[in-house]
């Protein structure tokens, strides 16, 4: 019996079997490379901040501004989080000020733009919706209509990364 594919737990058995076959035949990477073009050019924390802030301004205009958005090299290791959002409240004078921060796992520097966008949309949705419930996923699909397909494909990429190593994306 093969080891469980941790990024695909909860998916139907026939899908998992199909992925295991693709892994065994070393064809999963080819499938992903055909579907997604090369890696994006958002490499710096500043470029990531600008990209995520642009999404926020387009879809969540009334939400509080983001204080910081950056790539974090430790995120993938800690509890398999690929992105995090935090709100820190501080008293300044007589007012309570909230600072919002989004961290994205550094592995997203080297992936196709739809994967980065999916993580950004996911973390931005947490600004409005704290729980992973129906309202949360409706907001995600409002910002990215293909959210669920991209999330599955990202899980396939992460599975490939775990089982066969990194993919080289075409330019």
Protein backbone atom coordinates (compact mmCIF):
# COMPACT_ATOMS: atom_id res chain seq x y z
CA UNK A 1 0.00 0.00 0.00
CA UNK A 2 1.27 3.45 -0.92
CA UNK A 3 1.79 6.18 1.66
CA UNK A 4 -1.06 8.70 1.87
CA UNK A 5 -0.66 11.88 -0.14
CA UNK A 6 -0.97 14.50 2.61
CA UNK A 7 -1.97 17.39 0.36
CA UNK A 8 -4.84 15.38 -1.10
CA UNK A 9 -6.44 14.03 2.07
CA UNK A 10 -10.19 14.46 1.86
CA UNK A 11 -10.27 14.12 -1.92
CA UNK A 12 -12.12 11.15 -3.48
CA UNK A 13 -10.27 7.82 -3.74
CA UNK A 14 -10.49 7.67 -7.57
CA UNK A 15 -8.74 11.06 -7.84
CA UNK A 16 -6.01 9.98 -5.42
CA UNK A 17 -5.52 6.75 -7.38
CA UNK A 18 -5.20 8.75 -10.60
CA UNK A 19 -2.57 11.02 -9.00
CA UNK A 20 -0.67 7.98 -7.69
CA UNK A 21 -0.62 6.54 -11.21
CA UNK A 22 0.65 9.83 -12.65
CA UNK A 23 3.37 9.92 -9.98
CA UNK A 24 4.38 6.32 -10.65
CA UNK A 25 4.63 7.09 -14.38
CA UNK A 26 6.42 10.38 -13.61
CA UNK A 27 3.83 12.27 -15.67
CA UNK A 28 2.31 14.58 -13.04
CA UNK A 29 4.90 17.29 -13.71
CA UNK A 30 4.23 17.16 -17.46
CA UNK A 31 0.51 17.60 -16.85
CA UNK A 32 1.12 20.66 -14.65
CA UNK A 33 3.66 22.18 -17.05
CA UNK A 34 1.19 21.85 -19.95
CA UNK A 35 -1.52 23.55 -17.92
CA UNK A 36 0.52 26.42 -16.47
CA UNK A 37 3.08 28.63 -18.13
CA UNK A 38 6.38 29.62 -16.58
CA UNK A 39 7.09 31.11 -13.19
CA UNK A 40 6.01 34.70 -12.55
CA UNK A 41 8.42 37.60 -12.10
CA UNK A 42 7.25 38.71 -8.64
CA UNK A 43 10.47 38.02 -6.75
CA UNK A 44 10.87 40.78 -4.17
CA UNK A 45 8.81 41.55 -1.09
CA UNK A 46 8.03 44.97 -2.58
CA UNK A 47 6.69 43.43 -5.80
CA UNK A 48 4.62 40.97 -3.73
CA UNK A 49 3.25 43.82 -1.60
CA UNK A 50 2.27 45.75 -4.73
CA UNK A 51 0.63 42.67 -6.29
CA UNK A 52 -1.40 41.71 -3.20
CA UNK A 53 -2.34 45.32 -2.47
CA UNK A 54 -3.59 45.63 -6.05
CA UNK A 55 -5.84 42.60 -5.55
CA UNK A 56 -7.05 44.00 -2.22
CA UNK A 57 -7.82 47.38 -3.76
CA UNK A 58 -9.71 45.74 -6.62
CA UNK A 59 -11.85 43.35 -4.57
CA UNK A 60 -11.78 44.55 -0.94
CA UNK A 61 -11.68 48.32 -1.26
CA UNK A 62 -13.24 48.98 2.15
CA UNK A 63 -10.92 46.66 4.08
CA UNK A 64 -8.14 48.06 6.24
CA UNK A 65 -4.84 48.62 4.42
CA UNK A 66 -2.10 46.02 4.58
CA UNK A 67 0.92 46.98 6.65
CA UNK A 68 3.22 44.33 5.27
CA UNK A 69 3.23 41.56 2.68
CA UNK A 70 6.33 39.42 2.26
CA UNK A 71 7.79 36.07 1.32
CA UNK A 72 8.67 33.96 4.37
CA UNK A 73 11.22 31.15 4.02
CA UNK A 74 10.05 29.45 7.25
CA UNK A 75 6.37 29.09 6.40
CA UNK A 76 6.41 25.80 4.51
CA UNK A 77 8.16 24.10 7.42
CA UNK A 78 5.81 25.26 10.17
CA UNK A 79 2.55 23.26 10.16
CA UNK A 80 2.59 23.14 6.33
CA UNK A 81 1.19 26.68 6.12
CA UNK A 82 1.64 28.22 2.71
CA UNK A 83 0.50 31.66 3.72
CA UNK A 84 -0.60 33.40 6.88
CA UNK A 85 -2.44 36.54 7.79
CA UNK A 86 -2.12 38.32 11.09
CA UNK A 87 -3.70 41.32 12.69
CA UNK A 88 -1.78 43.04 15.45
CA UNK A 89 -3.66 45.60 17.52
CA UNK A 90 -1.73 48.32 19.30
CA UNK A 91 -2.81 51.29 21.35
CA UNK A 92 -1.63 54.55 19.84
CA UNK A 93 -2.71 57.52 21.89
CA UNK A 94 -6.34 56.95 22.75
CA UNK A 95 -7.02 54.74 19.71
CA UNK A 96 -6.61 51.08 18.92
CA UNK A 97 -4.72 50.62 15.64
CA UNK A 98 -4.74 47.35 13.73
CA UNK A 99 -1.87 46.33 11.48
CA UNK A 100 -2.54 43.61 8.93
CA UNK A 101 0.27 41.43 7.63
CA UNK A 102 0.33 38.67 5.03
CA UNK A 103 3.19 36.20 4.72
CA UNK A 104 3.54 33.93 1.72
CA UNK A 105 5.78 30.86 1.69
CA UNK A 106 9.00 31.55 -0.19
CA UNK A 107 8.40 28.58 -2.49
CA UNK A 108 5.81 30.79 -4.26
CA UNK A 109 8.62 32.87 -5.78
CA UNK A 110 9.22 30.04 -8.27
CA UNK A 111 5.71 29.00 -9.37
CA UNK A 112 3.24 30.08 -12.05
CA UNK A 113 1.26 33.23 -11.28
CA UNK A 114 -2.11 31.45 -10.75
CA UNK A 115 -0.63 29.57 -7.76
CA UNK A 116 0.63 32.81 -6.19
CA UNK A 117 -2.70 34.50 -6.91
CA UNK A 118 -4.61 31.64 -5.26
CA UNK A 119 -2.57 31.99 -2.05
CA UNK A 120 -2.92 35.79 -2.12
CA UNK A 121 -6.69 35.55 -2.63
CA UNK A 122 -6.94 32.98 0.17
CA UNK A 123 -5.10 35.19 2.65
CA UNK A 124 -6.98 38.32 1.56
CA UNK A 125 -10.30 36.52 2.09
CA UNK A 126 -9.31 36.03 5.72
CA UNK A 127 -9.45 39.80 6.17
CA UNK A 128 -13.24 39.58 5.86
CA UNK A 129 -13.93 35.93 6.75
CA UNK A 130 -11.95 34.28 9.55
CA UNK A 131 -13.22 30.70 9.14
CA UNK A 132 -12.97 28.39 6.14
CA UNK A 133 -16.72 28.34 5.64
CA UNK A 134 -19.12 28.89 2.75
CA UNK A 135 -18.82 32.70 2.92
CA UNK A 136 -15.02 32.42 2.88
CA UNK A 137 -14.97 30.27 -0.26
CA UNK A 138 -17.58 32.46 -1.96
CA UNK A 139 -15.27 35.44 -1.40
CA UNK A 140 -12.32 33.44 -2.78
CA UNK A 141 -14.24 32.55 -5.94
CA UNK A 142 -15.40 36.16 -6.30
CA UNK A 143 -11.74 37.25 -6.40
CA UNK A 144 -10.59 34.22 -8.45
CA UNK A 145 -13.36 32.33 -10.30
CA UNK A 146 -11.09 29.31 -10.89
CA UNK A 147 -10.06 29.23 -7.20
CA UNK A 148 -11.04 25.60 -6.53
CA UNK A 149 -9.34 24.21 -9.64
CA UNK A 150 -6.16 26.19 -8.96
CA UNK A 151 -6.18 25.01 -5.35
CA UNK A 152 -6.36 21.39 -6.51
CA UNK A 153 -3.59 21.97 -9.05
CA UNK A 154 -1.47 23.63 -6.35
CA UNK A 155 -2.03 20.56 -4.15
CA UNK A 156 -0.89 18.42 -7.09
CA UNK A 157 2.23 20.57 -7.43
CA UNK A 158 2.97 20.24 -3.71
CA UNK A 159 2.48 16.50 -3.97
CA UNK A 160 4.95 16.42 -6.87
CA UNK A 161 7.37 18.48 -4.80
CA UNK A 162 7.13 15.99 -1.91
CA UNK A 163 7.26 12.83 -4.00
CA UNK A 164 9.50 13.69 -6.98
CA UNK A 165 11.11 17.04 -6.19
CA UNK A 166 10.74 20.51 -7.73
CA UNK A 167 9.44 21.19 -11.22
CA UNK A 168 11.25 23.34 -13.71
CA UNK A 169 8.66 25.63 -15.30
CA UNK A 170 9.03 26.63 -18.95
CA UNK A 171 9.92 30.25 -19.72
